[in-house]
């Protein structure tokens, strides 16, 4: 039986931050980087739906999962 996946999504604020970063990469002409950034966020969300204990523990009952190829992290509870 496959593992149960938990629904995960970005908050409005996190989605706005991701959109701003993607817009910045596009504005710099880094179209592949913009696609790669969006893909890495999607991959990280997929991992979190399966493995909720990934990442490091943080303040206020949060966890932090850094993206591998970009200077961004997902902060979640």
C-alpha atoms as a PDB file:
ATOM      1  CA  UNK A   1       0.000   0.000   0.000  1.00  0.00           C
ATOM      2  CA  UNK A   2       1.494   3.410  -0.935  1.00  0.00           C
ATOM      3  CA  UNK A   3       2.180   5.863   1.888  1.00  0.00           C
ATOM      4  CA  UNK A   4      -0.578   8.283   2.761  1.00  0.00           C
ATOM      5  CA  UNK A   5       0.158  11.726   1.370  1.00  0.00           C
ATOM      6  CA  UNK A   6      -0.714  14.754   3.443  1.00  0.00           C
ATOM      7  CA  UNK A   7      -2.004  17.801   1.598  1.00  0.00           C
ATOM      8  CA  UNK A   8       0.561  20.597   1.539  1.00  0.00           C
ATOM      9  CA  UNK A   9       0.425  23.986  -0.106  1.00  0.00           C
ATOM     10  CA  UNK A  10       2.044  27.377   0.077  1.00  0.00           C
ATOM     11  CA  UNK A  11       0.425  30.096   2.128  1.00  0.00           C
ATOM     12  CA  UNK A  12      -0.617  33.217   0.264  1.00  0.00           C
ATOM     13  CA  UNK A  13       2.478  35.001   1.541  1.00  0.00           C
ATOM     14  CA  UNK A  14       4.792  32.164   0.529  1.00  0.00           C
ATOM     15  CA  UNK A  15       3.183  31.953  -2.911  1.00  0.00           C
ATOM     16  CA  UNK A  16       3.647  35.708  -3.339  1.00  0.00           C
ATOM     17  CA  UNK A  17       7.331  35.367  -2.355  1.00  0.00           C
ATOM     18  CA  UNK A  18       7.807  32.487  -4.806  1.00  0.00           C
ATOM     19  CA  UNK A  19       6.068  34.426  -7.578  1.00  0.00           C
ATOM     20  CA  UNK A  20       8.277  37.461  -6.895  1.00  0.00           C
ATOM     21  CA  UNK A  21      11.410  35.304  -7.084  1.00  0.00           C
ATOM     22  CA  UNK A  22      10.246  33.717 -10.342  1.00  0.00           C
ATOM     23  CA  UNK A  23       9.470  37.164 -11.759  1.00  0.00           C
ATOM     24  CA  UNK A  24      12.959  38.321 -10.748  1.00  0.00           C
ATOM     25  CA  UNK A  25      14.627  35.373 -12.508  1.00  0.00           C
ATOM     26  CA  UNK A  26      12.527  36.048 -15.617  1.00  0.00           C
ATOM     27  CA  UNK A  27      13.379  39.748 -15.453  1.00  0.00           C
ATOM     28  CA  UNK A  28      17.061  38.805 -15.390  1.00  0.00           C
ATOM     29  CA  UNK A  29      16.547  36.628 -18.469  1.00  0.00           C
ATOM     30  CA  UNK A  30      17.169  33.483 -16.416  1.00  0.00           C
ATOM     31  CA  UNK A  31      14.198  31.554 -17.802  1.00  0.00           C
ATOM     32  CA  UNK A  32      15.643  28.120 -17.046  1.00  0.00           C
ATOM     33  CA  UNK A  33      16.401  29.208 -13.469  1.00  0.00           C
ATOM     34  CA  UNK A  34      12.799  30.412 -13.102  1.00  0.00           C
ATOM     35  CA  UNK A  35      11.520  26.998 -14.235  1.00  0.00           C
ATOM     36  CA  UNK A  36      14.038  25.177 -12.040  1.00  0.00           C
ATOM     37  CA  UNK A  37      13.036  27.266  -9.021  1.00  0.00           C
ATOM     38  CA  UNK A  38       9.340  26.466  -9.502  1.00  0.00           C
ATOM     39  CA  UNK A  39      10.183  22.783 -10.019  1.00  0.00           C
ATOM     40  CA  UNK A  40      12.299  22.650  -6.865  1.00  0.00           C
ATOM     41  CA  UNK A  41       9.481  24.154  -4.802  1.00  0.00           C
ATOM     42  CA  UNK A  42       7.069  21.568  -6.233  1.00  0.00           C
ATOM     43  CA  UNK A  43       9.526  18.757  -5.462  1.00  0.00           C
ATOM     44  CA  UNK A  44      10.026  20.004  -1.900  1.00  0.00           C
ATOM     45  CA  UNK A  45       6.264  20.174  -1.349  1.00  0.00           C
ATOM     46  CA  UNK A  46       5.958  16.631  -2.683  1.00  0.00           C
ATOM     47  CA  UNK A  47       8.593  15.419  -0.242  1.00  0.00           C
ATOM     48  CA  UNK A  48       6.901  17.208   2.644  1.00  0.00           C
ATOM     49  CA  UNK A  49       3.597  15.543   1.798  1.00  0.00           C
ATOM     50  CA  UNK A  50       5.296  12.174   2.366  1.00  0.00           C
ATOM     51  CA  UNK A  51       7.899  12.988   5.016  1.00  0.00           C
ATOM     52  CA  UNK A  52       6.567  15.657   7.358  1.00  0.00           C
ATOM     53  CA  UNK A  53       9.590  15.451   9.666  1.00  0.00           C
ATOM     54  CA  UNK A  54      12.070  16.613   7.014  1.00  0.00           C
ATOM     55  CA  UNK A  55      14.046  19.723   7.695  1.00  0.00           C
ATOM     56  CA  UNK A  56      15.380  21.243  10.863  1.00  0.00           C
ATOM     57  CA  UNK A  57      13.301  22.243  13.855  1.00  0.00           C
ATOM     58  CA  UNK A  58      12.870  25.976  14.276  1.00  0.00           C
ATOM     59  CA  UNK A  59      11.244  28.597  16.428  1.00  0.00           C
ATOM     60  CA  UNK A  60       7.526  28.657  17.191  1.00  0.00           C
ATOM     61  CA  UNK A  61       6.969  24.957  16.422  1.00  0.00           C
ATOM     62  CA  UNK A  62       8.160  25.300  12.821  1.00  0.00           C
ATOM     63  CA  UNK A  63      10.488  23.280  10.634  1.00  0.00           C
ATOM     64  CA  UNK A  64      12.723  24.572   7.852  1.00  0.00           C
ATOM     65  CA  UNK A  65      13.544  22.766   4.619  1.00  0.00           C
ATOM     66  CA  UNK A  66      16.155  24.569   2.507  1.00  0.00           C
ATOM     67  CA  UNK A  67      15.964  24.353  -1.255  1.00  0.00           C
ATOM     68  CA  UNK A  68      19.076  22.707  -2.697  1.00  0.00           C
ATOM     69  CA  UNK A  69      19.846  24.962  -5.646  1.00  0.00           C
ATOM     70  CA  UNK A  70      18.441  28.304  -4.532  1.00  0.00           C
ATOM     71  CA  UNK A  71      18.920  30.589  -1.508  1.00  0.00           C
ATOM     72  CA  UNK A  72      15.393  29.926  -0.217  1.00  0.00           C
ATOM     73  CA  UNK A  73      13.842  27.684   2.420  1.00  0.00           C
ATOM     74  CA  UNK A  74      10.346  26.400   3.067  1.00  0.00           C
ATOM     75  CA  UNK A  75       9.238  27.094   6.633  1.00  0.00           C
ATOM     76  CA  UNK A  76       6.330  24.932   7.742  1.00  0.00           C
ATOM     77  CA  UNK A  77       4.387  23.400  10.636  1.00  0.00           C
END
